[in-house]
C-alpha atoms as a PDB file:
ATOM      1  CA  MET A   1     -36.078  45.255 -91.847  1.00  0.00           C
ATOM      2  CA  LYS A   2     -33.907  42.248 -89.571  1.00  0.00           C
ATOM      3  CA  ASN A   3     -32.699  39.906 -91.546  1.00  0.00           C
ATOM      4  CA  SER A   4     -31.707  36.186 -90.272  1.00  0.00           C
ATOM      5  CA  LYS A   5     -28.885  34.082 -90.823  1.00  0.00           C
ATOM      6  CA  ASN A   6     -28.429  31.887 -94.174  1.00  0.00           C
ATOM      7  CA  TYR A   7     -27.584  28.008 -94.020  1.00  0.00           C
ATOM      8  CA  LEU A   8     -25.855  25.130 -96.214  1.00  0.00           C
ATOM      9  CA  GLN A   9     -27.838  21.906 -95.524  1.00  0.00           C
ATOM     10  CA  VAL A  10     -25.638  19.231 -96.174  1.00  0.00           C
ATOM     11  CA  ILE A  11     -26.975  17.331 -99.163  1.00  0.00           C
ATOM     12  CA  GLU A  12     -24.207  14.453 -99.517  1.00  0.00           C
ATOM     13  CA  VAL A  13     -21.248  13.068 -97.742  1.00  0.00           C
ATOM     14  CA  SER A  14     -18.516  10.374 -99.710  1.00  0.00           C
ATOM     15  CA  GLU A  15     -16.963   8.150 -97.856  1.00  0.00           C
ATOM     16  CA  THR A  16     -13.522   8.797 -96.323  1.00  0.00           C
ATOM     17  CA  ARG A  17     -10.574   9.445 -98.683  1.00  0.00           C
ATOM     18  CA  GLU A  18      -6.833  10.768 -98.123  1.00  0.00           C
ATOM     19  CA  ASP A  19      -5.047  13.246 -99.952  1.00  0.00           C
ATOM     20  CA  VAL A  20      -1.509  12.953-102.184  1.00  0.00           C
ATOM     21  CA  ASN A  21      -0.582  13.863 -98.444  1.00  0.00           C
ATOM     22  CA  ALA A  22      -2.039  11.148 -96.505  1.00  0.00           C
ATOM     23  CA  LYS A  23      -4.795  13.481 -94.486  1.00  0.00           C
ATOM     24  CA  VAL A  24      -8.365  11.926 -94.468  1.00  0.00           C
ATOM     25  CA  TYR A  25     -10.932  14.346 -95.855  1.00  0.00           C
ATOM     26  CA  LYS A  26     -15.005  13.618 -97.029  1.00  0.00           C
ATOM     27  CA  ARG A  27     -16.238  15.361 -99.709  1.00  0.00           C
ATOM     28  CA  ILE A  28     -19.339  17.247 -98.454  1.00  0.00           C
ATOM     29  CA  ILE A  29     -21.810  18.540-100.883  1.00  0.00           C
ATOM     30  CA  ALA A  30     -24.254  21.531 -99.699  1.00  0.00           C
ATOM     31  CA  SER A  31     -27.270  23.515-100.340  1.00  0.00           C
ATOM     32  CA  ALA A  32     -28.118  27.056 -99.995  1.00  0.00           C
ATOM     33  CA  LEU A  33     -31.228  27.242 -98.033  1.00  0.00           C
ATOM     34  CA  PRO A  34     -33.500  30.276 -98.935  1.00  0.00           C
ATOM     35  CA  GLY A  35     -32.831  33.304 -96.381  1.00  0.00           C
ATOM     36  CA  VAL A  36     -35.622  34.101 -93.381  1.00  0.00           C
ATOM     37  CA  ILE A  37     -36.417  38.001 -93.702  1.00  0.00           C
ATOM     38  CA  GLU A  38     -38.894  40.406 -91.449  1.00  0.00           C
ATOM     39  CA  HIS A  39     -42.203  40.860 -92.948  1.00  0.00           C
ATOM     40  CA  PRO A  40     -42.490  44.650 -93.341  1.00  0.00           C
ATOM     41  CA  VAL A  41     -45.715  44.464 -92.487  1.00  0.00           C
ATOM     42  CA  THR A  42     -46.439  41.356 -90.368  1.00  0.00           C
ATOM     43  CA  GLY A  43     -43.230  41.387 -88.509  1.00  0.00           C
ATOM     44  CA  GLU A  44     -43.243  37.329 -88.850  1.00  0.00           C
ATOM     45  CA  MET A  45     -40.130  35.827 -90.187  1.00  0.00           C
ATOM     46  CA  VAL A  46     -40.501  34.517 -93.379  1.00  0.00           C
ATOM     47  CA  PRO A  47     -38.501  32.579 -95.787  1.00  0.00           C
ATOM     48  CA  VAL A  48     -37.234  34.293 -98.931  1.00  0.00           C
ATOM     49  CA  ILE A  49     -38.186  32.215-101.734  1.00  0.00           C
ATOM     50  CA  GLU A  50     -34.799  31.182-103.536  1.00  0.00           C
ATOM     51  CA  MET A  51     -36.149  29.858-107.467  1.00  0.00           C
ATOM     52  CA  ASN A  52     -33.485  27.796-108.237  1.00  0.00           C
ATOM     53  CA  ALA A  53     -31.269  26.260-104.823  1.00  0.00           C
ATOM     54  CA  ARG A  54     -27.350  26.987-105.379  1.00  0.00           C
ATOM     55  CA  LYS A  55     -25.122  23.903-104.803  1.00  0.00           C
ATOM     56  CA  VAL A  56     -21.667  23.599-103.792  1.00  0.00           C
ATOM     57  CA  SER A  57     -18.737  20.771-102.699  1.00  0.00           C
ATOM     58  CA  PHE A  58     -16.287  21.636-100.889  1.00  0.00           C
ATOM     59  CA  ASN A  59     -13.643  18.954 -98.235  1.00  0.00           C
ATOM     60  CA  GLN A  60     -13.592  18.908 -94.993  1.00  0.00           C
ATOM     61  CA  TYR A  61     -10.375  17.476 -93.095  1.00  0.00           C
ATOM     62  CA  GLU A  62     -10.163  15.028 -90.392  1.00  0.00           C
ATOM     63  CA  GLU A  63      -6.788  17.022 -89.316  1.00  0.00           C
ATOM     64  CA  SER A  64      -6.624  20.271 -90.668  1.00  0.00           C
ATOM     65  CA  TYR A  65      -3.662  21.740 -91.923  1.00  0.00           C
ATOM     66  CA  LEU A  66      -4.118  24.747 -90.368  1.00  0.00           C
ATOM     67  CA  ASP A  67      -4.250  23.945 -87.200  1.00  0.00           C
ATOM     68  CA  GLY A  68      -4.761  20.418 -86.440  1.00  0.00           C
ATOM     69  CA  SER A  69      -8.117  20.091 -85.507  1.00  0.00           C
ATOM     70  CA  THR A  70     -10.738  18.408 -86.994  1.00  0.00           C
ATOM     71  CA  ASP A  71     -13.289  21.157 -89.865  1.00  0.00           C
ATOM     72  CA  PRO A  72     -16.337  21.298 -88.259  1.00  0.00           C
ATOM     73  CA  ALA A  73     -17.836  19.554 -91.129  1.00  0.00           C
ATOM     74  CA  PHE A  74     -15.858  16.574 -90.958  1.00  0.00           C
ATOM     75  CA  ASN A  75     -18.665  14.779 -89.180  1.00  0.00           C
ATOM     76  CA  ALA A  76     -21.806  16.106 -90.253  1.00  0.00           C
ATOM     77  CA  PRO A  77     -24.532  14.054 -91.430  1.00  0.00           C
ATOM     78  CA  VAL A  78     -26.684  15.176 -94.252  1.00  0.00           C
ATOM     79  CA  GLY A  79     -29.377  16.990 -93.251  1.00  0.00           C
ATOM     80  CA  SER A  80     -27.334  18.990 -90.765  1.00  0.00           C
ATOM     81  CA  LEU A  81     -27.398  23.222 -91.512  1.00  0.00           C
ATOM     82  CA  LEU A  82     -23.847  25.125 -91.685  1.00  0.00           C
ATOM     83  CA  PRO A  83     -24.308  28.635 -91.508  1.00  0.00           C
ATOM     84  CA  GLY A  84     -22.640  30.208 -94.563  1.00  0.00           C
ATOM     85  CA  ALA A  85     -23.644  31.381 -97.889  1.00  0.00           C
ATOM     86  CA  VAL A  86     -22.845  30.197-101.722  1.00  0.00           C
ATOM     87  CA  VAL A  87     -21.240  33.406-103.332  1.00  0.00           C
ATOM     88  CA  THR A  88     -20.405  33.991-106.195  1.00  0.00           C
ATOM     89  CA  LYS A  89     -17.445  36.565-107.466  1.00  0.00           C
ATOM     90  CA  ILE A  90     -15.947  37.940-110.200  1.00  0.00           C
ATOM     91  CA  VAL A  91     -11.982  36.953-110.167  1.00  0.00           C
ATOM     92  CA  GLU A  92      -8.796  36.809-112.242  1.00  0.00           C
ATOM     93  CA  PRO A  93      -9.482  34.655-115.612  1.00  0.00           C
ATOM     94  CA  TYR A  94      -8.753  31.188-114.653  1.00  0.00           C
ATOM     95  CA  SER A  95      -9.277  28.083-116.977  1.00  0.00           C
ATOM     96  CA  PHE A  96     -10.457  24.265-115.870  1.00  0.00           C
ATOM     97  CA  GLU A  97     -10.566  21.135-118.362  1.00  0.00           C
ATOM     98  CA  VAL A  98     -14.277  19.539-118.320  1.00  0.00           C
ATOM     99  CA  THR A  99     -14.793  16.476-120.384  1.00  0.00           C
ATOM    100  CA  ASN A 100     -17.790  17.152-122.860  1.00  0.00           C
ATOM    101  CA  LYS A 101     -20.055  14.105-122.228  1.00  0.00           C
ATOM    102  CA  THR A 102     -21.200  14.082-125.782  1.00  0.00           C
ATOM    103  CA  THR A 103     -18.553  13.692-127.669  1.00  0.00           C
ATOM    104  CA  GLY A 104     -15.735  12.641-124.873  1.00  0.00           C
ATOM    105  CA  GLU A 105     -13.605  15.367-125.578  1.00  0.00           C
ATOM    106  CA  VAL A 106     -11.430  17.586-123.326  1.00  0.00           C
ATOM    107  CA  GLU A 107     -12.077  20.841-123.695  1.00  0.00           C
ATOM    108  CA  THR A 108     -10.419  23.819-122.014  1.00  0.00           C
ATOM    109  CA  ILE A 109     -13.204  26.545-120.177  1.00  0.00           C
ATOM    110  CA  THR A 110     -12.042  30.008-119.094  1.00  0.00           C
ATOM    111  CA  THR A 111     -13.793  31.867-116.694  1.00  0.00           C
ATOM    112  CA  THR A 112     -13.848  34.667-114.487  1.00  0.00           C
ATOM    113  CA  ASN A 113     -16.855  33.564-112.046  1.00  0.00           C
ATOM    114  CA  TYR A 114     -15.646  31.501-109.082  1.00  0.00           C
ATOM    115  CA  SER A 115     -18.517  30.351-106.775  1.00  0.00           C
ATOM    116  CA  THR A 116     -17.047  28.786-102.964  1.00  0.00           C
ATOM    117  CA  ALA A 117     -19.150  27.857 -99.553  1.00  0.00           C
ATOM    118  CA  VAL A 118     -18.614  31.006 -96.929  1.00  0.00           C
ATOM    119  CA  PHE A 119     -19.471  29.533 -93.574  1.00  0.00           C
ATOM    120  CA  GLY A 120     -20.057  31.867 -91.151  1.00  0.00           C
ATOM    121  CA  ASP A 121     -22.797  34.849 -89.418  1.00  0.00           C
ATOM    122  CA  THR A 122     -24.272  35.825 -92.673  1.00  0.00           C
ATOM    123  CA  SER A 123     -26.391  38.704 -90.578  1.00  0.00           C
ATOM    124  CA  GLU A 124     -23.386  40.013 -89.757  1.00  0.00           C
ATOM    125  CA  ALA A 125     -22.173  42.039 -92.232  1.00  0.00           C
ATOM    126  CA  GLU A 126     -19.047  43.158 -91.640  1.00  0.00           C
ATOM    127  CA  LEU A 127     -18.270  39.854 -90.279  1.00  0.00           C
ATOM    128  CA  PHE A 128     -19.182  37.980 -93.203  1.00  0.00           C
ATOM    129  CA  GLN A 129     -17.424  40.211 -95.224  1.00  0.00           C
ATOM    130  CA  THR A 130     -13.928  38.648 -93.481  1.00  0.00           C
ATOM    131  CA  ALA A 131     -15.098  35.558 -93.977  1.00  0.00           C
ATOM    132  CA  ILE A 132     -15.728  35.886 -97.444  1.00  0.00           C
ATOM    133  CA  PHE A 133     -12.126  37.502 -98.208  1.00  0.00           C
ATOM    134  CA  ALA A 134     -10.622  34.397 -96.330  1.00  0.00           C
ATOM    135  CA  ALA A 135     -12.823  31.810 -98.244  1.00  0.00           C
ATOM    136  CA  PHE A 136     -11.796  32.686-101.716  1.00  0.00           C
ATOM    137  CA  ARG A 137      -8.070  34.073-100.657  1.00  0.00           C
ATOM    138  CA  ASN A 138      -7.604  30.385 -99.282  1.00  0.00           C
ATOM    139  CA  ASN A 139      -9.660  29.073-102.561  1.00  0.00           C
ATOM    140  CA  SER A 140      -6.477  30.523-104.822  1.00  0.00           C
ATOM    141  CA  HIS A 141      -8.696  33.740-106.038  1.00  0.00           C
ATOM    142  CA  PRO A 142      -8.299  36.272-103.966  1.00  0.00           C
ATOM    143  CA  LEU A 143     -10.716  39.233-104.470  1.00  0.00           C
ATOM    144  CA  GLU A 144      -9.650  42.944-104.965  1.00  0.00           C
ATOM    145  CA  GLY A 145      -9.848  44.621-101.579  1.00  0.00           C
ATOM    146  CA  ASP A 146      -8.603  42.474 -99.643  1.00  0.00           C
ATOM    147  CA  PRO A 147      -6.636  43.596 -96.878  1.00  0.00           C
ATOM    148  CA  PHE A 148      -4.861  40.251 -96.134  1.00  0.00           C
ATOM    149  CA  VAL A 149      -3.624  40.370 -99.947  1.00  0.00           C
ATOM    150  CA  ALA A 150      -0.043  42.123 -99.782  1.00  0.00           C
ATOM    151  CA  LYS A 151       0.567  44.787-102.655  1.00  0.00           C
ATOM    152  CA  GLU A 152       3.438  45.220-104.699  1.00  0.00           C
ATOM    153  CA  THR A 153       5.607  47.621-102.672  1.00  0.00           C
ATOM    154  CA  GLN A 154       8.164  49.248-103.984  1.00  0.00           C
ATOM    155  CA  ILE A 155      11.359  50.008-101.438  1.00  0.00           C
ATOM    156  CA  GLU A 156      13.719  53.146-101.982  1.00  0.00           C
ATOM    157  CA  LEU A 157      16.965  53.362-100.437  1.00  0.00           C
ATOM    158  CA  THR A 158      17.505  56.504 -99.156  1.00  0.00           C
ATOM    159  CA  GLU A 159      21.173  56.289 -98.155  1.00  0.00           C
ATOM    160  CA  GLU A 160      23.780  54.015 -99.541  1.00  0.00           C
ATOM    161  CA  PRO A 161      25.106  50.930 -98.301  1.00  0.00           C
ATOM    162  CA  THR A 162      27.558  50.115 -95.743  1.00  0.00           C
ATOM    163  CA  GLU A 163      30.215  47.817 -96.426  1.00  0.00           C
ATOM    164  CA  GLU A 164      30.836  45.155 -94.154  1.00  0.00           C
ATOM    165  CA  VAL A 165      33.874  45.078 -91.590  1.00  0.00           C
ATOM    166  CA  ALA A 166      35.265  42.182 -90.901  1.00  0.00           C
END
């Protein structure tokens, strides 16, 4: 059975904003569109029905912190399709604060689930896995097995240190 790419559809774009470093960005909200697969009997490409479309929000910068280019979705209008998916993984526990809408009290929530937009061709499993590792790492939630996350290492001295000669 052949799978096609998955897409995120832009459903909301904020006005331009500035972060603490005066870099211009827009907040994008996107919804996961259902995937499409090859029907096993007819061979026709048909959508996979998803009961609860997942949404995700992310920032897109006019000038990227990484290389100075414009982030791909910075100028994306509502309705645009972005290749990728909303991915949820179990991560190290983390906490955040929310305001209870009924009482107005601030509550601290601790969880181990984290969801983020992962951009790329979802039909290329190995490449998309690399994109997943990068997306979670870039959002401060590195995943177990990420080859780019430094492991703690011990260095053994095999010889005595030498004295510096003046």
